[in-house]
Each structure stands twice: as C-alpha cells, then as structure tokens.
Amino acid sequence: MEIPIRFRLLLFWKSIFNHQYKAPKIKISKEGKGVKSILFFLPEKKEDAKIAHYLIKADNPLPGFTIGYVCNEKSISYYPKSVGIKFISYKDTDLNYFHIIKSEALLDQIKSIQYDALVDLNTSFCAPTSLLAFELDIPLKIGFNSLIANKIYTITLERNENTFLENNFQLIERLLGLKL
C-alpha cells in the first residue's frame, strides 16, 4: 500500500504535537455484549464497494444500532439508497492540500455521535479517512494493515491476495458482536 510522503510527515507531526486520545483497554470475548454504534468508512474503489455492500443492510437495518457511513461523494452511487441509512459524504472541495477533510461542518457532523467502534473498509490507502480515524476518539478502530496502521487502528486486518475479502468482513462482524 503506497502512502504519500507528505501524508506520512503530516501524521508524524500530528502524533508528536497533538494530544492523542488514549483509548481505554478493551477486551474481546464471547461473553461481551458487542457494540451499539458503529462508524463505517466505505471504500472508494468500485471493486471493493461491491464487497463492502455486504456490511450495509439497506433492506434489513440492524435494530437498536446507530450506524453511520462516511464515503467520498463520487463513490456514494456504489451503495444502496435507503431512508434508514445515514451517509456522510465529502467532496473533493472539502479536502485540503494533504487530501484531509477541512470542512468544520462536516467534521462536526461526524463527531456529533459518540461511536463505540470505527471500521475502515478501505483496503488501499485513503488519506481523508485515515487521518479522520487517527483523530476520532473511538475506543475500537478496525482497519487494514499498512505502514501507518499501527498508529491509527487498535485492530489491523491483513489483506491477503489469496483469500476472499468477505472472510475479513465476517471477521469484522464477529469482532463487533454483530449477528447478521
């Protein structure tokens, strides 16, 4: 996964000078109750979006759960449209030089709900969602492995070319305690 040098420098700068949220230690067990609010970062690539569609339940939303979806406005057409689904989309004009979300209104909208878990479904590097995941105060953050994943996520998944991506999504469901 190729990560631009300017983004790595920005992340290094932020990790040194910004007070980083210290999430409480979490324990994952069969006796756990799972999470009740999840923020998904949806992939921008059409191929990955087809598979990520598996986790978006437009026709059968999860009762009792608060679920938010963040994606680029260009890729929103890849996902099902439903009244019960809350999409938060950003445009290219909402991004700065580092391709990071600069719109305060958009950031406030995302931060208005206190989520229990964050799941980044981008299998390749996506600057807007990567830095957003870094800055959000969410105890459980799940994402795919990269050079900077250990600074961002509490759980990283290895993307193996020989296995199906659906297997990783089923693992995410089990980690979150979802019964789909």
C-alpha atoms as a PDB file:
ATOM      1  CA  MET A   1       0.000   0.000   0.000  1.00  0.00           C
ATOM      2  CA  GLU A   2       1.628   3.235  -1.158  1.00  0.00           C
ATOM      3  CA  ILE A   3       1.324   6.117   1.310  1.00  0.00           C
ATOM      4  CA  PRO A   4       2.450   9.566   0.110  1.00  0.00           C
ATOM      5  CA  ILE A   5       5.427  11.057   1.940  1.00  0.00           C
ATOM      6  CA  ARG A   6       3.564  14.304   2.658  1.00  0.00           C
ATOM      7  CA  PHE A   7       0.852  12.338   4.478  1.00  0.00           C
ATOM      8  CA  ARG A   8       3.406  10.368   6.491  1.00  0.00           C
ATOM      9  CA  LEU A   9       5.088  13.635   7.503  1.00  0.00           C
ATOM     10  CA  LEU A  10       1.747  15.157   8.498  1.00  0.00           C
ATOM     11  CA  LEU A  11       0.847  12.103  10.574  1.00  0.00           C
ATOM     12  CA  PHE A  12       4.275  12.192  12.235  1.00  0.00           C
ATOM     13  CA  TRP A  13       3.812  15.911  13.002  1.00  0.00           C
ATOM     14  CA  LYS A  14       0.333  15.366  14.447  1.00  0.00           C
ATOM     15  CA  SER A  15       1.441  12.399  16.553  1.00  0.00           C
ATOM     16  CA  ILE A  16       4.232  14.493  18.116  1.00  0.00           C
ATOM     17  CA  PHE A  17       2.421  17.763  18.763  1.00  0.00           C
ATOM     18  CA  ASN A  18      -1.232  16.839  19.166  1.00  0.00           C
ATOM     19  CA  HIS A  19      -2.548  15.292  22.341  1.00  0.00           C
ATOM     20  CA  GLN A  20      -3.558  11.837  21.206  1.00  0.00           C
ATOM     21  CA  TYR A  21      -6.654  10.284  22.752  1.00  0.00           C
ATOM     22  CA  LYS A  22      -5.708   7.283  24.883  1.00  0.00           C
ATOM     23  CA  ALA A  23      -8.481   4.771  24.404  1.00  0.00           C
ATOM     24  CA  PRO A  24      -9.245   2.547  27.369  1.00  0.00           C
ATOM     25  CA  LYS A  25      -8.060  -1.032  27.036  1.00  0.00           C
ATOM     26  CA  ILE A  26     -10.746  -3.230  25.586  1.00  0.00           C
ATOM     27  CA  LYS A  27     -11.352  -6.923  25.961  1.00  0.00           C
ATOM     28  CA  ILE A  28     -12.950  -9.011  23.267  1.00  0.00           C
ATOM     29  CA  SER A  29     -14.656 -12.163  24.490  1.00  0.00           C
ATOM     30  CA  LYS A  30     -17.660 -14.355  23.785  1.00  0.00           C
ATOM     31  CA  GLU A  31     -19.347 -13.015  26.914  1.00  0.00           C
ATOM     32  CA  GLY A  32     -19.181  -9.433  25.628  1.00  0.00           C
ATOM     33  CA  LYS A  33     -22.254  -7.537  24.511  1.00  0.00           C
ATOM     34  CA  GLY A  34     -20.728  -6.131  21.338  1.00  0.00           C
ATOM     35  CA  VAL A  35     -21.084  -2.551  20.233  1.00  0.00           C
ATOM     36  CA  LYS A  36     -24.186  -0.418  19.745  1.00  0.00           C
ATOM     37  CA  SER A  37     -22.841   2.317  17.473  1.00  0.00           C
ATOM     38  CA  ILE A  38     -20.507   1.863  14.512  1.00  0.00           C
ATOM     39  CA  LEU A  39     -18.959   4.287  12.042  1.00  0.00           C
ATOM     40  CA  PHE A  40     -18.001   2.686   8.722  1.00  0.00           C
ATOM     41  CA  PHE A  41     -15.577   4.304   6.277  1.00  0.00           C
ATOM     42  CA  LEU A  42     -16.663   2.980   2.895  1.00  0.00           C
ATOM     43  CA  PRO A  43     -14.204   2.192   0.080  1.00  0.00           C
ATOM     44  CA  GLU A  44     -13.814   4.494  -2.893  1.00  0.00           C
ATOM     45  CA  LYS A  45     -12.958   1.740  -5.383  1.00  0.00           C
ATOM     46  CA  LYS A  46     -15.912   0.184  -7.173  1.00  0.00           C
ATOM     47  CA  GLU A  47     -14.493  -3.355  -6.829  1.00  0.00           C
ATOM     48  CA  ASP A  48     -14.156  -3.008  -3.048  1.00  0.00           C
ATOM     49  CA  ALA A  49     -17.530  -1.263  -2.793  1.00  0.00           C
ATOM     50  CA  LYS A  50     -19.276  -4.306  -4.263  1.00  0.00           C
ATOM     51  CA  ILE A  51     -17.878  -6.449  -1.465  1.00  0.00           C
ATOM     52  CA  ALA A  52     -18.394  -3.807   1.249  1.00  0.00           C
ATOM     53  CA  HIS A  53     -22.051  -3.774   0.234  1.00  0.00           C
ATOM     54  CA  TYR A  54     -22.209  -6.969   2.330  1.00  0.00           C
ATOM     55  CA  LEU A  55     -21.992  -4.912   5.544  1.00  0.00           C
ATOM     56  CA  ILE A  56     -24.562  -2.292   4.509  1.00  0.00           C
ATOM     57  CA  LYS A  57     -28.003  -3.545   5.389  1.00  0.00           C
ATOM     58  CA  ALA A  58     -30.388  -1.263   3.490  1.00  0.00           C
ATOM     59  CA  ASP A  59     -33.264  -3.715   3.388  1.00  0.00           C
ATOM     60  CA  ASN A  60     -32.732  -5.053   6.922  1.00  0.00           C
ATOM     61  CA  PRO A  61     -31.086  -2.428   9.140  1.00  0.00           C
ATOM     62  CA  LEU A  62     -29.807  -3.588  12.499  1.00  0.00           C
ATOM     63  CA  PRO A  63     -32.414  -2.700  15.154  1.00  0.00           C
ATOM     64  CA  GLY A  64     -31.050  -0.917  18.200  1.00  0.00           C
ATOM     65  CA  PHE A  65     -27.808   0.098  16.466  1.00  0.00           C
ATOM     66  CA  THR A  66     -26.584   3.541  15.498  1.00  0.00           C
ATOM     67  CA  ILE A  67     -24.643   3.171  12.273  1.00  0.00           C
ATOM     68  CA  GLY A  68     -23.006   5.902  10.220  1.00  0.00           C
ATOM     69  CA  TYR A  69     -21.304   5.651   6.846  1.00  0.00           C
ATOM     70  CA  VAL A  70     -18.621   8.018   5.555  1.00  0.00           C
ATOM     71  CA  CYS A  71     -17.584   7.989   1.907  1.00  0.00           C
ATOM     72  CA  ASN A  72     -16.465  10.173  -0.956  1.00  0.00           C
ATOM     73  CA  GLU A  73     -19.341  11.741  -2.860  1.00  0.00           C
ATOM     74  CA  LYS A  74     -18.007  10.146  -6.065  1.00  0.00           C
ATOM     75  CA  SER A  75     -18.468   6.652  -4.645  1.00  0.00           C
ATOM     76  CA  ILE A  76     -21.876   7.093  -2.984  1.00  0.00           C
ATOM     77  CA  SER A  77     -23.595   5.733  -6.104  1.00  0.00           C
ATOM     78  CA  TYR A  78     -21.982   2.319  -5.441  1.00  0.00           C
ATOM     79  CA  TYR A  79     -24.041   1.862  -2.273  1.00  0.00           C
ATOM     80  CA  PRO A  80     -27.764   1.194  -1.714  1.00  0.00           C
ATOM     81  CA  LYS A  81     -30.068   4.102  -1.100  1.00  0.00           C
ATOM     82  CA  SER A  82     -32.458   3.812   1.822  1.00  0.00           C
ATOM     83  CA  VAL A  83     -34.213   6.114   4.253  1.00  0.00           C
ATOM     84  CA  GLY A  84     -32.708   4.280   7.235  1.00  0.00           C
ATOM     85  CA  ILE A  85     -29.088   4.671   6.119  1.00  0.00           C
ATOM     86  CA  LYS A  86     -27.135   7.730   7.250  1.00  0.00           C
ATOM     87  CA  PHE A  87     -24.447   8.608   4.695  1.00  0.00           C
ATOM     88  CA  ILE A  88     -21.973  11.374   5.388  1.00  0.00           C
ATOM     89  CA  SER A  89     -20.195  12.211   2.168  1.00  0.00           C
ATOM     90  CA  TYR A  90     -17.354  14.574   1.414  1.00  0.00           C
ATOM     91  CA  LYS A  91     -16.433  16.276  -1.851  1.00  0.00           C
ATOM     92  CA  ASP A  92     -13.002  17.000  -3.264  1.00  0.00           C
ATOM     93  CA  THR A  93     -13.584  20.663  -2.360  1.00  0.00           C
ATOM     94  CA  ASP A  94     -13.847  19.596   1.313  1.00  0.00           C
ATOM     95  CA  LEU A  95     -10.212  18.417   1.212  1.00  0.00           C
ATOM     96  CA  ASN A  96      -7.039  20.436   1.721  1.00  0.00           C
ATOM     97  CA  TYR A  97      -3.560  20.113   0.165  1.00  0.00           C
ATOM     98  CA  PHE A  98      -2.883  16.922   2.140  1.00  0.00           C
ATOM     99  CA  HIS A  99      -6.244  15.447   0.988  1.00  0.00           C
ATOM    100  CA  ILE A 100      -7.587  15.733   4.511  1.00  0.00           C
ATOM    101  CA  ILE A 101     -11.102  16.876   5.373  1.00  0.00           C
ATOM    102  CA  LYS A 102     -11.007  20.597   6.156  1.00  0.00           C
ATOM    103  CA  SER A 103     -14.760  21.312   6.336  1.00  0.00           C
ATOM    104  CA  GLU A 104     -15.582  22.031  10.002  1.00  0.00           C
ATOM    105  CA  ALA A 105     -19.304  21.452   9.400  1.00  0.00           C
ATOM    106  CA  LEU A 106     -18.584  18.003   8.004  1.00  0.00           C
ATOM    107  CA  LEU A 107     -16.215  17.154  10.868  1.00  0.00           C
ATOM    108  CA  ASP A 108     -18.798  18.340  13.420  1.00  0.00           C
ATOM    109  CA  GLN A 109     -21.449  16.171  11.750  1.00  0.00           C
ATOM    110  CA  ILE A 110     -19.197  13.105  12.024  1.00  0.00           C
ATOM    111  CA  LYS A 111     -18.191  13.878  15.623  1.00  0.00           C
ATOM    112  CA  SER A 112     -21.774  14.645  16.746  1.00  0.00           C
ATOM    113  CA  ILE A 113     -22.359  10.972  17.624  1.00  0.00           C
ATOM    114  CA  GLN A 114     -20.144   9.104  20.071  1.00  0.00           C
ATOM    115  CA  TYR A 115     -19.450   5.823  18.278  1.00  0.00           C
ATOM    116  CA  ASP A 116     -18.296   2.626  20.030  1.00  0.00           C
ATOM    117  CA  ALA A 117     -16.390   1.339  17.004  1.00  0.00           C
ATOM    118  CA  LEU A 118     -14.913   2.549  13.751  1.00  0.00           C
ATOM    119  CA  VAL A 119     -14.352   0.245  10.776  1.00  0.00           C
ATOM    120  CA  ASP A 120     -12.289   1.454   7.813  1.00  0.00           C
ATOM    121  CA  LEU A 121     -13.202  -0.781   4.870  1.00  0.00           C
ATOM    122  CA  ASN A 122     -10.667   0.826   2.529  1.00  0.00           C
ATOM    123  CA  THR A 123      -8.205  -1.889   1.564  1.00  0.00           C
ATOM    124  CA  SER A 124      -5.920   0.680  -0.049  1.00  0.00           C
ATOM    125  CA  PHE A 125      -4.721   3.984   1.407  1.00  0.00           C
ATOM    126  CA  CYS A 126      -7.319   6.761   1.667  1.00  0.00           C
ATOM    127  CA  ALA A 127      -5.942   9.975   3.202  1.00  0.00           C
ATOM    128  CA  PRO A 128      -9.264  11.580   4.280  1.00  0.00           C
ATOM    129  CA  THR A 129     -10.478   8.562   6.229  1.00  0.00           C
ATOM    130  CA  SER A 130      -7.038   7.605   7.571  1.00  0.00           C
ATOM    131  CA  LEU A 131      -6.439  10.922   9.296  1.00  0.00           C
ATOM    132  CA  LEU A 132     -10.062  11.117  10.413  1.00  0.00           C
ATOM    133  CA  ALA A 133      -9.671   7.695  12.051  1.00  0.00           C
ATOM    134  CA  PHE A 134      -6.464   8.931  13.706  1.00  0.00           C
ATOM    135  CA  GLU A 135      -8.209  11.975  15.196  1.00  0.00           C
ATOM    136  CA  LEU A 136     -11.530  10.443  16.322  1.00  0.00           C
ATOM    137  CA  ASP A 137     -11.891   9.421  19.980  1.00  0.00           C
ATOM    138  CA  ILE A 138     -13.320   5.941  19.435  1.00  0.00           C
ATOM    139  CA  PRO A 139     -12.164   3.008  21.600  1.00  0.00           C
ATOM    140  CA  LEU A 140     -12.274   0.287  18.914  1.00  0.00           C
ATOM    141  CA  LYS A 141     -10.820   1.069  15.483  1.00  0.00           C
ATOM    142  CA  ILE A 142     -10.528  -1.668  12.868  1.00  0.00           C
ATOM    143  CA  GLY A 143      -8.700  -1.241   9.566  1.00  0.00           C
ATOM    144  CA  PHE A 144      -6.494  -2.969   7.044  1.00  0.00           C
ATOM    145  CA  ASN A 145      -2.760  -3.273   7.577  1.00  0.00           C
ATOM    146  CA  SER A 146      -0.415  -0.618   6.158  1.00  0.00           C
ATOM    147  CA  LEU A 147       2.774   1.204   7.112  1.00  0.00           C
ATOM    148  CA  ILE A 148       0.819   3.569   9.357  1.00  0.00           C
ATOM    149  CA  ALA A 149      -1.999   1.270  10.529  1.00  0.00           C
ATOM    150  CA  ASN A 150      -0.464   0.714  13.977  1.00  0.00           C
ATOM    151  CA  LYS A 151      -0.665   4.457  14.678  1.00  0.00           C
ATOM    152  CA  ILE A 152      -4.327   4.598  13.639  1.00  0.00           C
ATOM    153  CA  TYR A 153      -6.167   1.347  14.415  1.00  0.00           C
ATOM    154  CA  THR A 154      -6.499  -0.809  17.527  1.00  0.00           C
ATOM    155  CA  ILE A 155      -7.048  -3.912  15.364  1.00  0.00           C
ATOM    156  CA  THR A 156      -5.485  -4.358  11.933  1.00  0.00           C
ATOM    157  CA  LEU A 157      -6.534  -6.950   9.390  1.00  0.00           C
ATOM    158  CA  GLU A 158      -4.087  -8.448   6.934  1.00  0.00           C
ATOM    159  CA  ARG A 159      -5.257  -8.245   3.329  1.00  0.00           C
ATOM    160  CA  ASN A 160      -4.057 -11.434   1.685  1.00  0.00           C
ATOM    161  CA  GLU A 161      -4.411 -11.712  -2.081  1.00  0.00           C
ATOM    162  CA  ASN A 162      -5.079 -15.459  -1.778  1.00  0.00           C
ATOM    163  CA  THR A 163      -8.130 -15.132   0.478  1.00  0.00           C
ATOM    164  CA  PHE A 164     -11.525 -13.622  -0.122  1.00  0.00           C
ATOM    165  CA  LEU A 165     -12.231 -10.153   1.244  1.00  0.00           C
ATOM    166  CA  GLU A 166     -15.566 -11.479   2.505  1.00  0.00           C
ATOM    167  CA  ASN A 167     -13.651 -13.523   5.094  1.00  0.00           C
ATOM    168  CA  ASN A 168     -12.244 -10.292   6.550  1.00  0.00           C
ATOM    169  CA  PHE A 169     -15.733  -8.782   6.661  1.00  0.00           C
ATOM    170  CA  GLN A 170     -17.059 -11.836   8.515  1.00  0.00           C
ATOM    171  CA  LEU A 171     -14.201 -11.439  10.992  1.00  0.00           C
ATOM    172  CA  ILE A 172     -15.196  -7.782  11.470  1.00  0.00           C
ATOM    173  CA  GLU A 173     -18.774  -8.873  12.226  1.00  0.00           C
ATOM    174  CA  ARG A 174     -17.549 -11.330  14.852  1.00  0.00           C
ATOM    175  CA  LEU A 175     -15.244  -8.745  16.442  1.00  0.00           C
ATOM    176  CA  LEU A 176     -18.110  -6.262  16.706  1.00  0.00           C
ATOM    177  CA  GLY A 177     -20.554  -8.847  18.043  1.00  0.00           C
ATOM    178  CA  LEU A 178     -22.951  -8.380  15.124  1.00  0.00           C
ATOM    179  CA  LYS A 179     -25.426 -11.087  14.295  1.00  0.00           C
ATOM    180  CA  LEU A 180     -26.276 -10.615  10.641  1.00  0.00           C
END
